[in-house]
N, C-alpha and C. Protein backbone atom coordinates (compact mmCIF):
# COMPACT_ATOMS: atom_id res chain seq x y z
N THR A 1 25.50 -7.62 32.16
CA THR A 1 25.15 -8.18 33.47
C THR A 1 24.32 -9.46 33.36
N ASN A 2 23.71 -9.68 32.21
CA ASN A 2 22.91 -10.88 32.00
C ASN A 2 23.59 -11.72 30.92
N PRO A 3 24.11 -12.91 31.27
CA PRO A 3 24.83 -13.72 30.28
C PRO A 3 23.93 -14.26 29.18
N ASP A 4 22.61 -14.26 29.39
CA ASP A 4 21.68 -14.79 28.39
C ASP A 4 21.15 -13.71 27.45
N LEU A 5 21.63 -12.47 27.61
CA LEU A 5 21.05 -11.37 26.85
C LEU A 5 22.15 -10.53 26.22
N ASP A 6 22.06 -10.33 24.92
CA ASP A 6 23.00 -9.47 24.19
C ASP A 6 22.23 -8.31 23.57
N PHE A 7 22.87 -7.17 23.48
CA PHE A 7 22.27 -5.98 22.88
C PHE A 7 23.05 -5.59 21.64
N TYR A 8 22.32 -5.29 20.57
CA TYR A 8 22.92 -4.84 19.33
C TYR A 8 22.30 -3.51 18.95
N SER A 9 23.10 -2.63 18.40
CA SER A 9 22.58 -1.34 17.93
C SER A 9 23.24 -1.00 16.60
N ALA A 10 22.52 -0.23 15.79
CA ALA A 10 23.03 0.17 14.49
C ALA A 10 22.33 1.43 14.03
N ASN A 11 23.05 2.24 13.26
CA ASN A 11 22.47 3.43 12.64
C ASN A 11 21.97 3.04 11.25
N LEU A 12 20.67 2.94 11.11
CA LEU A 12 20.06 2.47 9.87
C LEU A 12 19.30 3.60 9.19
N SER A 13 19.24 3.54 7.88
CA SER A 13 18.57 4.60 7.10
C SER A 13 17.32 4.05 6.42
N SER A 14 16.32 4.88 6.36
CA SER A 14 15.13 4.57 5.57
C SER A 14 15.35 5.03 4.13
N THR A 15 14.68 4.38 3.22
CA THR A 15 14.81 4.76 1.81
C THR A 15 13.43 5.01 1.22
N VAL A 16 13.35 5.98 0.32
CA VAL A 16 12.12 6.31 -0.39
C VAL A 16 12.49 6.55 -1.86
N ASP A 17 11.76 5.91 -2.75
CA ASP A 17 11.98 6.07 -4.18
C ASP A 17 10.63 6.34 -4.84
N ASP A 18 10.52 7.43 -5.58
CA ASP A 18 9.23 7.83 -6.13
C ASP A 18 9.40 8.32 -7.57
N HIS A 19 8.47 7.92 -8.45
CA HIS A 19 8.50 8.33 -9.85
C HIS A 19 7.10 8.78 -10.28
N PHE A 20 7.06 9.84 -11.07
CA PHE A 20 5.78 10.38 -11.54
C PHE A 20 5.91 10.74 -13.02
N SER A 21 4.88 10.44 -13.77
CA SER A 21 4.84 10.82 -15.18
C SER A 21 3.41 11.19 -15.56
N SER A 22 3.29 12.06 -16.57
CA SER A 22 1.98 12.53 -16.98
C SER A 22 2.01 12.84 -18.48
N GLY A 23 0.89 12.60 -19.15
CA GLY A 23 0.80 12.90 -20.56
C GLY A 23 -0.60 13.34 -20.93
N ARG A 24 -0.69 14.23 -21.92
CA ARG A 24 -2.00 14.72 -22.37
C ARG A 24 -1.95 14.96 -23.88
N LEU A 25 -3.02 14.55 -24.55
CA LEU A 25 -3.19 14.77 -25.99
C LEU A 25 -4.49 15.53 -26.23
N ASP A 26 -4.42 16.58 -27.02
CA ASP A 26 -5.60 17.37 -27.37
C ASP A 26 -5.92 17.17 -28.84
N PHE A 27 -7.22 17.04 -29.12
CA PHE A 27 -7.67 16.79 -30.48
C PHE A 27 -8.76 17.80 -30.85
N ALA A 28 -8.68 18.32 -32.08
CA ALA A 28 -9.79 19.08 -32.66
C ALA A 28 -10.53 18.13 -33.59
N VAL A 29 -11.58 17.50 -33.06
CA VAL A 29 -12.31 16.49 -33.83
C VAL A 29 -12.93 17.12 -35.07
N ASN A 30 -13.60 18.23 -34.87
CA ASN A 30 -14.14 19.05 -35.98
C ASN A 30 -14.40 20.44 -35.41
N SER A 31 -15.11 21.26 -36.16
CA SER A 31 -15.31 22.65 -35.73
C SER A 31 -16.18 22.76 -34.48
N ARG A 32 -16.91 21.71 -34.15
CA ARG A 32 -17.82 21.77 -32.99
C ARG A 32 -17.38 20.89 -31.82
N ASN A 33 -16.41 20.02 -32.01
CA ASN A 33 -16.03 19.07 -30.96
C ASN A 33 -14.53 19.15 -30.68
N GLN A 34 -14.22 19.32 -29.42
CA GLN A 34 -12.84 19.32 -28.93
C GLN A 34 -12.70 18.20 -27.89
N MET A 35 -11.58 17.48 -27.96
CA MET A 35 -11.39 16.34 -27.04
C MET A 35 -9.96 16.33 -26.54
N TYR A 36 -9.79 15.88 -25.29
CA TYR A 36 -8.45 15.62 -24.77
C TYR A 36 -8.45 14.31 -24.00
N VAL A 37 -7.26 13.69 -23.98
CA VAL A 37 -7.02 12.45 -23.23
C VAL A 37 -5.81 12.70 -22.32
N ARG A 38 -5.97 12.41 -21.04
CA ARG A 38 -4.88 12.64 -20.08
C ARG A 38 -4.63 11.38 -19.26
N TYR A 39 -3.36 11.12 -18.98
CA TYR A 39 -2.99 9.95 -18.18
C TYR A 39 -1.88 10.33 -17.22
N ASN A 40 -2.05 9.99 -15.93
CA ASN A 40 -1.05 10.22 -14.89
C ASN A 40 -0.65 8.89 -14.26
N TYR A 41 0.62 8.77 -13.96
CA TYR A 41 1.12 7.53 -13.34
C TYR A 41 2.15 7.90 -12.28
N GLN A 42 2.01 7.29 -11.10
CA GLN A 42 2.97 7.52 -10.01
C GLN A 42 3.26 6.20 -9.32
N ASN A 43 4.54 5.93 -9.11
CA ASN A 43 4.96 4.69 -8.45
C ASN A 43 6.03 5.02 -7.42
N GLY A 44 5.86 4.47 -6.23
CA GLY A 44 6.84 4.72 -5.18
C GLY A 44 6.99 3.52 -4.27
N ASN A 45 8.15 3.40 -3.66
CA ASN A 45 8.39 2.35 -2.68
C ASN A 45 9.31 2.87 -1.60
N SER A 46 9.20 2.28 -0.43
CA SER A 46 10.01 2.72 0.70
C SER A 46 10.36 1.53 1.57
N PHE A 47 11.44 1.67 2.32
CA PHE A 47 11.84 0.66 3.30
C PHE A 47 12.17 1.37 4.61
N ARG A 48 11.59 0.87 5.70
CA ARG A 48 11.83 1.44 7.02
C ARG A 48 12.34 0.34 7.94
N PRO A 49 13.62 0.38 8.33
CA PRO A 49 14.15 -0.67 9.21
C PRO A 49 13.55 -0.58 10.60
N SER A 50 13.40 -1.74 11.23
CA SER A 50 12.83 -1.77 12.58
C SER A 50 13.74 -2.43 13.60
N SER A 51 14.88 -2.97 13.18
CA SER A 51 15.80 -3.57 14.14
C SER A 51 17.19 -3.61 13.53
N ALA A 52 18.18 -3.86 14.38
CA ALA A 52 19.57 -3.90 13.94
C ALA A 52 19.91 -5.16 13.18
N VAL A 53 19.04 -6.17 13.23
CA VAL A 53 19.35 -7.44 12.57
C VAL A 53 18.77 -7.53 11.16
N GLY A 54 18.08 -6.48 10.71
CA GLY A 54 17.65 -6.46 9.31
C GLY A 54 16.16 -6.50 9.06
N SER A 55 15.34 -6.65 10.09
CA SER A 55 13.90 -6.66 9.85
C SER A 55 13.42 -5.24 9.56
N GLY A 56 12.27 -5.14 8.89
CA GLY A 56 11.76 -3.83 8.55
C GLY A 56 10.46 -3.91 7.76
N SER A 57 9.98 -2.75 7.35
CA SER A 57 8.71 -2.64 6.63
C SER A 57 8.97 -2.12 5.22
N ILE A 58 8.37 -2.80 4.26
CA ILE A 58 8.46 -2.41 2.85
C ILE A 58 7.07 -1.97 2.39
N THR A 59 6.99 -0.82 1.76
CA THR A 59 5.72 -0.30 1.24
C THR A 59 5.87 0.04 -0.23
N GLU A 60 4.95 -0.45 -1.04
CA GLU A 60 4.93 -0.14 -2.46
C GLU A 60 3.55 0.44 -2.81
N GLN A 61 3.55 1.56 -3.51
CA GLN A 61 2.30 2.23 -3.87
C GLN A 61 2.33 2.66 -5.33
N THR A 62 1.20 2.45 -6.01
CA THR A 62 1.06 2.85 -7.41
C THR A 62 -0.29 3.54 -7.58
N ALA A 63 -0.28 4.71 -8.21
CA ALA A 63 -1.51 5.46 -8.47
C ALA A 63 -1.59 5.76 -9.97
N GLN A 64 -2.78 5.56 -10.55
CA GLN A 64 -3.00 5.84 -11.96
C GLN A 64 -4.32 6.60 -12.13
N ASN A 65 -4.32 7.49 -13.09
CA ASN A 65 -5.51 8.28 -13.37
C ASN A 65 -5.60 8.51 -14.87
N ALA A 66 -6.78 8.27 -15.45
CA ALA A 66 -6.99 8.48 -16.88
C ALA A 66 -8.32 9.21 -17.09
N VAL A 67 -8.33 10.16 -18.02
CA VAL A 67 -9.53 10.96 -18.29
C VAL A 67 -9.67 11.14 -19.81
N VAL A 68 -10.91 10.99 -20.28
CA VAL A 68 -11.26 11.34 -21.66
C VAL A 68 -12.37 12.39 -21.58
N ASN A 69 -12.13 13.54 -22.19
CA ASN A 69 -13.06 14.66 -22.10
C ASN A 69 -13.45 15.11 -23.51
N LEU A 70 -14.76 15.29 -23.72
CA LEU A 70 -15.27 15.75 -25.01
C LEU A 70 -16.15 16.98 -24.77
N THR A 71 -15.77 18.10 -25.40
CA THR A 71 -16.55 19.34 -25.31
C THR A 71 -17.19 19.62 -26.67
N THR A 72 -18.52 19.78 -26.65
CA THR A 72 -19.27 19.98 -27.90
C THR A 72 -19.98 21.32 -27.87
N THR A 73 -19.81 22.09 -28.93
CA THR A 73 -20.52 23.37 -29.07
C THR A 73 -21.85 23.11 -29.77
N LEU A 74 -22.94 23.15 -29.00
CA LEU A 74 -24.25 22.90 -29.56
C LEU A 74 -24.83 24.12 -30.25
N SER A 75 -24.49 25.28 -29.72
CA SER A 75 -24.93 26.55 -30.31
C SER A 75 -24.00 27.64 -29.76
N PRO A 76 -24.05 28.84 -30.27
CA PRO A 76 -23.19 29.89 -29.72
C PRO A 76 -23.37 30.12 -28.23
N SER A 77 -24.50 29.74 -27.67
CA SER A 77 -24.75 29.98 -26.24
C SER A 77 -24.85 28.68 -25.44
N MET A 78 -24.54 27.55 -26.05
CA MET A 78 -24.73 26.28 -25.35
C MET A 78 -23.54 25.35 -25.62
N LEU A 79 -22.94 24.87 -24.51
CA LEU A 79 -21.83 23.92 -24.56
C LEU A 79 -22.17 22.68 -23.75
N ASN A 80 -21.72 21.53 -24.22
CA ASN A 80 -21.89 20.28 -23.48
C ASN A 80 -20.51 19.65 -23.25
N GLU A 81 -20.27 19.25 -22.01
CA GLU A 81 -18.99 18.62 -21.66
C GLU A 81 -19.25 17.23 -21.11
N ALA A 82 -18.72 16.22 -21.77
CA ALA A 82 -18.86 14.83 -21.32
C ALA A 82 -17.47 14.32 -20.92
N LYS A 83 -17.42 13.59 -19.80
CA LYS A 83 -16.13 13.15 -19.28
C LYS A 83 -16.25 11.73 -18.71
N VAL A 84 -15.25 10.92 -19.00
CA VAL A 84 -15.12 9.58 -18.42
C VAL A 84 -13.72 9.48 -17.82
N GLY A 85 -13.65 9.05 -16.57
CA GLY A 85 -12.35 8.94 -15.90
C GLY A 85 -12.29 7.74 -14.99
N ILE A 86 -11.08 7.34 -14.69
CA ILE A 86 -10.87 6.23 -13.76
C ILE A 86 -9.65 6.53 -12.90
N ASN A 87 -9.78 6.22 -11.61
CA ASN A 87 -8.68 6.31 -10.66
C ASN A 87 -8.36 4.91 -10.14
N LEU A 88 -7.10 4.53 -10.23
CA LEU A 88 -6.65 3.23 -9.75
C LEU A 88 -5.53 3.44 -8.74
N TYR A 89 -5.59 2.69 -7.66
CA TYR A 89 -4.56 2.81 -6.62
C TYR A 89 -4.22 1.43 -6.09
N LYS A 90 -2.95 1.18 -5.91
CA LYS A 90 -2.50 -0.12 -5.38
C LYS A 90 -1.49 0.13 -4.28
N SER A 91 -1.73 -0.46 -3.12
CA SER A 91 -0.82 -0.33 -1.98
C SER A 91 -0.48 -1.72 -1.45
N ARG A 92 0.80 -1.97 -1.28
CA ARG A 92 1.28 -3.23 -0.72
C ARG A 92 2.23 -2.91 0.42
N SER A 93 1.95 -3.45 1.60
CA SER A 93 2.78 -3.21 2.77
C SER A 93 3.20 -4.55 3.36
N LEU A 94 4.48 -4.69 3.64
CA LEU A 94 5.01 -5.95 4.14
C LEU A 94 6.01 -5.67 5.25
N THR A 95 5.80 -6.27 6.40
CA THR A 95 6.74 -6.21 7.52
C THR A 95 7.28 -7.61 7.75
N GLN A 96 8.57 -7.76 7.62
CA GLN A 96 9.16 -9.10 7.69
C GLN A 96 10.36 -9.11 8.62
N GLY A 97 10.52 -10.21 9.34
CA GLY A 97 11.64 -10.38 10.25
C GLY A 97 12.91 -10.72 9.52
N ALA A 98 13.99 -10.76 10.27
CA ALA A 98 15.30 -11.03 9.70
C ALA A 98 15.66 -12.50 9.91
N ARG A 99 16.60 -12.95 9.11
CA ARG A 99 17.11 -14.32 9.23
C ARG A 99 18.52 -14.27 9.82
N THR A 100 18.75 -15.01 10.87
CA THR A 100 20.06 -15.05 11.49
C THR A 100 20.67 -16.44 11.33
N THR A 101 22.01 -16.49 11.26
CA THR A 101 22.71 -17.76 11.02
C THR A 101 23.56 -18.20 12.20
N ASP A 102 23.55 -17.42 13.29
CA ASP A 102 24.43 -17.78 14.40
C ASP A 102 23.66 -18.31 15.61
N LEU A 103 22.42 -18.73 15.41
CA LEU A 103 21.62 -19.28 16.50
C LEU A 103 20.85 -20.48 15.98
N ASP A 104 21.03 -21.62 16.60
CA ASP A 104 20.37 -22.83 16.14
C ASP A 104 19.54 -23.42 17.27
N VAL A 105 18.24 -23.22 17.16
CA VAL A 105 17.31 -23.84 18.12
C VAL A 105 16.28 -24.65 17.36
N GLY A 106 16.66 -25.08 16.17
CA GLY A 106 15.73 -25.80 15.33
C GLY A 106 15.30 -27.14 15.89
N ASP A 107 16.11 -27.72 16.79
CA ASP A 107 15.76 -29.02 17.36
C ASP A 107 15.08 -28.89 18.70
N GLN A 108 14.67 -27.65 19.06
CA GLN A 108 14.03 -27.42 20.35
C GLN A 108 12.52 -27.23 20.16
N THR A 109 11.79 -27.50 21.22
CA THR A 109 10.35 -27.27 21.23
C THR A 109 10.00 -26.41 22.43
N PHE A 110 9.20 -25.37 22.20
CA PHE A 110 8.80 -24.46 23.26
C PHE A 110 7.29 -24.56 23.45
N SER A 111 6.85 -24.37 24.68
CA SER A 111 5.43 -24.34 24.98
C SER A 111 5.02 -22.90 25.24
N ILE A 112 4.19 -22.35 24.35
CA ILE A 112 3.75 -20.97 24.48
C ILE A 112 2.23 -20.97 24.52
N GLY A 113 1.71 -20.51 25.64
CA GLY A 113 0.26 -20.48 25.78
C GLY A 113 -0.35 -21.87 25.74
N GLY A 114 0.41 -22.88 26.14
CA GLY A 114 -0.10 -24.25 26.16
C GLY A 114 0.06 -24.98 24.85
N ALA A 115 0.55 -24.32 23.80
CA ALA A 115 0.71 -24.97 22.51
C ALA A 115 2.19 -25.13 22.21
N ALA A 116 2.57 -26.29 21.71
CA ALA A 116 3.97 -26.55 21.38
C ALA A 116 4.33 -25.85 20.08
N GLN A 117 5.45 -25.14 20.11
CA GLN A 117 5.94 -24.41 18.95
C GLN A 117 7.35 -24.88 18.63
N SER A 118 7.71 -24.89 17.34
CA SER A 118 9.06 -25.25 16.94
C SER A 118 10.00 -24.09 17.17
N GLY A 119 11.26 -24.28 16.78
CA GLY A 119 12.28 -23.27 17.04
C GLY A 119 12.02 -21.93 16.40
N GLY A 120 11.32 -21.90 15.29
CA GLY A 120 11.09 -20.61 14.62
C GLY A 120 9.91 -19.88 15.21
N ILE A 121 10.08 -19.16 16.32
CA ILE A 121 8.95 -18.60 17.03
C ILE A 121 8.97 -17.08 17.10
N GLY A 122 10.01 -16.44 16.63
CA GLY A 122 10.04 -15.01 16.85
C GLY A 122 10.16 -14.22 15.58
N ILE A 123 10.54 -12.97 15.74
CA ILE A 123 10.76 -12.13 14.59
C ILE A 123 12.06 -12.51 13.91
N ILE A 124 12.86 -13.36 14.58
CA ILE A 124 14.09 -13.91 14.00
C ILE A 124 13.86 -15.37 13.68
N ASN A 125 14.36 -15.82 12.57
CA ASN A 125 14.25 -17.22 12.18
C ASN A 125 15.58 -17.91 12.43
N PRO A 126 15.73 -18.70 13.50
CA PRO A 126 17.01 -19.34 13.80
C PRO A 126 17.36 -20.38 12.76
N THR A 127 18.67 -20.65 12.64
CA THR A 127 19.14 -21.69 11.73
C THR A 127 18.55 -23.03 12.12
N GLY A 128 18.04 -23.74 11.13
CA GLY A 128 17.50 -25.06 11.39
C GLY A 128 16.06 -25.07 11.81
N ALA A 129 15.45 -23.89 11.94
CA ALA A 129 14.07 -23.85 12.39
C ALA A 129 13.11 -24.34 11.30
N GLY A 130 13.54 -24.27 10.06
CA GLY A 130 12.73 -24.81 8.97
C GLY A 130 11.54 -23.96 8.60
N SER A 131 11.58 -22.66 8.87
CA SER A 131 10.48 -21.78 8.48
C SER A 131 11.04 -20.41 8.19
N THR A 132 10.26 -19.63 7.45
CA THR A 132 10.70 -18.27 7.14
C THR A 132 10.39 -17.36 8.31
N PRO A 133 11.01 -16.16 8.36
CA PRO A 133 10.68 -15.21 9.43
C PRO A 133 9.21 -14.83 9.41
N ILE A 134 8.68 -14.52 10.56
CA ILE A 134 7.27 -14.13 10.66
C ILE A 134 7.04 -12.88 9.81
N THR A 135 5.96 -12.89 9.08
CA THR A 135 5.67 -11.83 8.12
C THR A 135 4.27 -11.29 8.36
N HIS A 136 4.14 -9.98 8.29
CA HIS A 136 2.84 -9.32 8.34
C HIS A 136 2.69 -8.50 7.06
N GLY A 137 1.59 -8.66 6.36
CA GLY A 137 1.41 -7.92 5.11
C GLY A 137 -0.04 -7.52 4.90
N SER A 138 -0.24 -6.49 4.12
CA SER A 138 -1.60 -6.06 3.77
C SER A 138 -1.57 -5.45 2.38
N SER A 139 -2.65 -5.65 1.66
CA SER A 139 -2.76 -5.11 0.31
C SER A 139 -4.13 -4.45 0.14
N PHE A 140 -4.12 -3.29 -0.52
CA PHE A 140 -5.33 -2.54 -0.79
C PHE A 140 -5.30 -2.10 -2.25
N THR A 141 -6.38 -2.39 -2.97
CA THR A 141 -6.46 -2.00 -4.39
C THR A 141 -7.84 -1.39 -4.66
N PRO A 142 -8.01 -0.10 -4.37
CA PRO A 142 -9.29 0.54 -4.66
C PRO A 142 -9.33 1.07 -6.10
N TYR A 143 -10.55 1.28 -6.58
CA TYR A 143 -10.75 1.87 -7.90
C TYR A 143 -11.98 2.77 -7.85
N GLU A 144 -12.03 3.71 -8.77
CA GLU A 144 -13.19 4.61 -8.87
C GLU A 144 -13.36 5.05 -10.32
N TRP A 145 -14.57 4.90 -10.82
CA TRP A 145 -14.94 5.40 -12.15
C TRP A 145 -15.70 6.71 -12.00
N THR A 146 -15.58 7.55 -13.00
CA THR A 146 -16.35 8.79 -13.05
C THR A 146 -16.99 8.92 -14.43
N PHE A 147 -18.32 9.06 -14.43
CA PHE A 147 -19.07 9.34 -15.66
C PHE A 147 -19.81 10.66 -15.43
N MET A 148 -19.48 11.66 -16.23
CA MET A 148 -19.98 13.01 -15.95
C MET A 148 -20.43 13.68 -17.25
N ASP A 149 -21.51 14.44 -17.13
CA ASP A 149 -21.98 15.23 -18.27
C ASP A 149 -22.55 16.54 -17.74
N ASN A 150 -22.05 17.66 -18.29
CA ASN A 150 -22.52 18.99 -17.89
C ASN A 150 -22.95 19.78 -19.13
N LEU A 151 -24.04 20.49 -18.99
CA LEU A 151 -24.55 21.36 -20.05
C LEU A 151 -24.51 22.80 -19.58
N SER A 152 -23.83 23.66 -20.33
CA SER A 152 -23.76 25.08 -20.00
C SER A 152 -24.57 25.87 -21.03
N TRP A 153 -25.52 26.67 -20.52
CA TRP A 153 -26.42 27.40 -21.40
C TRP A 153 -26.53 28.84 -20.91
N ILE A 154 -26.24 29.77 -21.78
CA ILE A 154 -26.33 31.19 -21.46
C ILE A 154 -27.50 31.77 -22.24
N ARG A 155 -28.43 32.41 -21.53
CA ARG A 155 -29.62 33.01 -22.16
C ARG A 155 -29.79 34.40 -21.57
N GLY A 156 -29.47 35.39 -22.38
CA GLY A 156 -29.55 36.77 -21.89
C GLY A 156 -28.53 37.00 -20.80
N ASP A 157 -28.98 37.52 -19.66
CA ASP A 157 -28.08 37.75 -18.53
C ASP A 157 -28.13 36.60 -17.52
N ARG A 158 -28.66 35.47 -17.93
CA ARG A 158 -28.75 34.31 -17.04
C ARG A 158 -27.97 33.14 -17.62
N SER A 159 -27.48 32.29 -16.73
CA SER A 159 -26.74 31.10 -17.16
C SER A 159 -27.27 29.89 -16.40
N PHE A 160 -27.32 28.77 -17.09
CA PHE A 160 -27.79 27.53 -16.51
C PHE A 160 -26.71 26.46 -16.73
N LYS A 161 -26.54 25.60 -15.72
CA LYS A 161 -25.54 24.54 -15.86
C LYS A 161 -26.04 23.26 -15.18
N PRO A 162 -26.96 22.56 -15.81
CA PRO A 162 -27.38 21.27 -15.25
C PRO A 162 -26.35 20.20 -15.62
N GLY A 163 -26.36 19.11 -14.85
CA GLY A 163 -25.42 18.02 -15.13
C GLY A 163 -25.72 16.80 -14.29
N ALA A 164 -25.00 15.76 -14.58
CA ALA A 164 -25.17 14.50 -13.85
C ALA A 164 -23.80 13.84 -13.70
N GLU A 165 -23.64 13.08 -12.63
CA GLU A 165 -22.37 12.39 -12.37
C GLU A 165 -22.64 11.04 -11.69
N TYR A 166 -21.91 10.04 -12.11
CA TYR A 166 -22.05 8.69 -11.55
C TYR A 166 -20.65 8.18 -11.21
N ASN A 167 -20.46 7.70 -9.94
CA ASN A 167 -19.15 7.29 -9.43
C ASN A 167 -19.18 5.89 -8.83
N PRO A 168 -19.17 4.84 -9.62
CA PRO A 168 -19.03 3.50 -9.02
C PRO A 168 -17.61 3.30 -8.53
N ARG A 169 -17.47 2.64 -7.38
CA ARG A 169 -16.15 2.44 -6.79
C ARG A 169 -16.13 1.15 -5.99
N GLY A 170 -14.95 0.66 -5.73
CA GLY A 170 -14.79 -0.57 -4.96
C GLY A 170 -13.37 -0.69 -4.47
N ILE A 171 -13.09 -1.73 -3.66
CA ILE A 171 -11.77 -1.94 -3.10
C ILE A 171 -11.54 -3.43 -2.86
N TYR A 172 -10.36 -3.87 -3.19
CA TYR A 172 -9.93 -5.24 -2.89
C TYR A 172 -8.95 -5.17 -1.71
N MET A 173 -9.17 -6.02 -0.71
CA MET A 173 -8.31 -6.04 0.47
C MET A 173 -7.87 -7.47 0.78
N ASP A 174 -6.67 -7.59 1.29
CA ASP A 174 -6.16 -8.89 1.69
C ASP A 174 -5.21 -8.69 2.86
N GLU A 175 -5.09 -9.70 3.70
CA GLU A 175 -4.23 -9.62 4.87
C GLU A 175 -3.38 -10.87 4.99
N LEU A 176 -2.13 -10.69 5.38
CA LEU A 176 -1.21 -11.78 5.65
C LEU A 176 -0.54 -11.49 6.97
N GLY A 177 -0.54 -12.46 7.88
CA GLY A 177 0.08 -12.15 9.16
C GLY A 177 0.17 -13.35 10.08
N GLY A 178 0.75 -13.11 11.21
CA GLY A 178 0.91 -14.12 12.24
C GLY A 178 1.16 -13.44 13.56
N ALA A 179 1.28 -14.21 14.61
CA ALA A 179 1.48 -13.66 15.95
C ALA A 179 2.97 -13.61 16.27
N THR A 180 3.35 -12.57 17.01
CA THR A 180 4.73 -12.40 17.46
C THR A 180 4.74 -12.25 18.97
N TRP A 181 5.51 -13.10 19.64
CA TRP A 181 5.71 -13.01 21.08
C TRP A 181 7.05 -12.33 21.33
N LEU A 182 7.06 -11.30 22.17
CA LEU A 182 8.28 -10.58 22.51
C LEU A 182 8.60 -10.79 23.98
N PHE A 183 9.78 -11.38 24.26
CA PHE A 183 10.23 -11.65 25.63
C PHE A 183 11.45 -10.80 25.93
N ASP A 184 11.55 -10.34 27.18
CA ASP A 184 12.69 -9.51 27.57
C ASP A 184 13.98 -10.32 27.72
N ASP A 185 13.86 -11.57 28.14
CA ASP A 185 15.06 -12.39 28.31
C ASP A 185 14.66 -13.86 28.27
N LEU A 186 15.65 -14.72 28.37
CA LEU A 186 15.42 -16.16 28.28
C LEU A 186 14.58 -16.67 29.44
N ASN A 187 14.78 -16.11 30.62
CA ASN A 187 14.00 -16.58 31.78
C ASN A 187 12.51 -16.30 31.59
N ASN A 188 12.18 -15.13 31.05
CA ASN A 188 10.77 -14.84 30.78
C ASN A 188 10.21 -15.76 29.71
N LEU A 189 11.05 -16.13 28.73
CA LEU A 189 10.61 -17.07 27.72
C LEU A 189 10.28 -18.43 28.35
N LEU A 190 11.15 -18.91 29.23
CA LEU A 190 10.91 -20.19 29.87
C LEU A 190 9.72 -20.16 30.81
N ARG A 191 9.43 -19.00 31.39
CA ARG A 191 8.28 -18.87 32.29
C ARG A 191 7.01 -18.51 31.52
N ASN A 192 7.13 -18.34 30.21
CA ASN A 192 6.00 -17.97 29.36
C ASN A 192 5.35 -16.66 29.84
N THR A 193 6.19 -15.64 30.00
CA THR A 193 5.71 -14.30 30.40
C THR A 193 6.18 -13.29 29.35
N PRO A 194 5.49 -13.22 28.24
CA PRO A 194 5.91 -12.27 27.20
C PRO A 194 5.62 -10.83 27.61
N ARG A 195 6.47 -9.94 27.12
CA ARG A 195 6.24 -8.51 27.34
C ARG A 195 5.20 -7.98 26.38
N GLN A 196 5.13 -8.57 25.18
CA GLN A 196 4.19 -8.07 24.19
C GLN A 196 3.84 -9.20 23.23
N VAL A 197 2.56 -9.28 22.84
CA VAL A 197 2.09 -10.23 21.83
C VAL A 197 1.35 -9.43 20.77
N THR A 198 1.82 -9.53 19.53
CA THR A 198 1.19 -8.78 18.45
C THR A 198 0.89 -9.72 17.30
């Protein structure tokens, strides 16, 4: 009913790919010291489509964990356990628009909110617009160290277990993004009445 508006639909699938691996080595250092080293690694990525023209969200995540543990027999009734570990996590999320080749508004200029914009103004990048599709991205890279020492002591019918733990941690964050104007039709675009701005 509207010559300026076309509707497209498609049955699209999301994808998830995940891999996990783990390894552990145990050592008998001597008659009084036992040690193990453990490492875990997990990597996964996914894609979730958001429109029929190919835009969507890509997420990549990686988790790593490493531990070194040393158990020492100080006496028949006393054990000491020392442990050093690290947790690493990396998350990358990217939402990107699609590129279309059957629409050319690269030589046009639009006024949105009082500012002149070139042809590449939406989640679609028209031919000739001279810019990539609008992209939103975020990255998070936290880390955590663990330094731990526990002493187990049995004396008669009583047991004692003092210990200490230190956990320094931090996170790196970054953001990539831009604004997206969503119009219901061409007339609303010309009147500068967007349905949504994100």
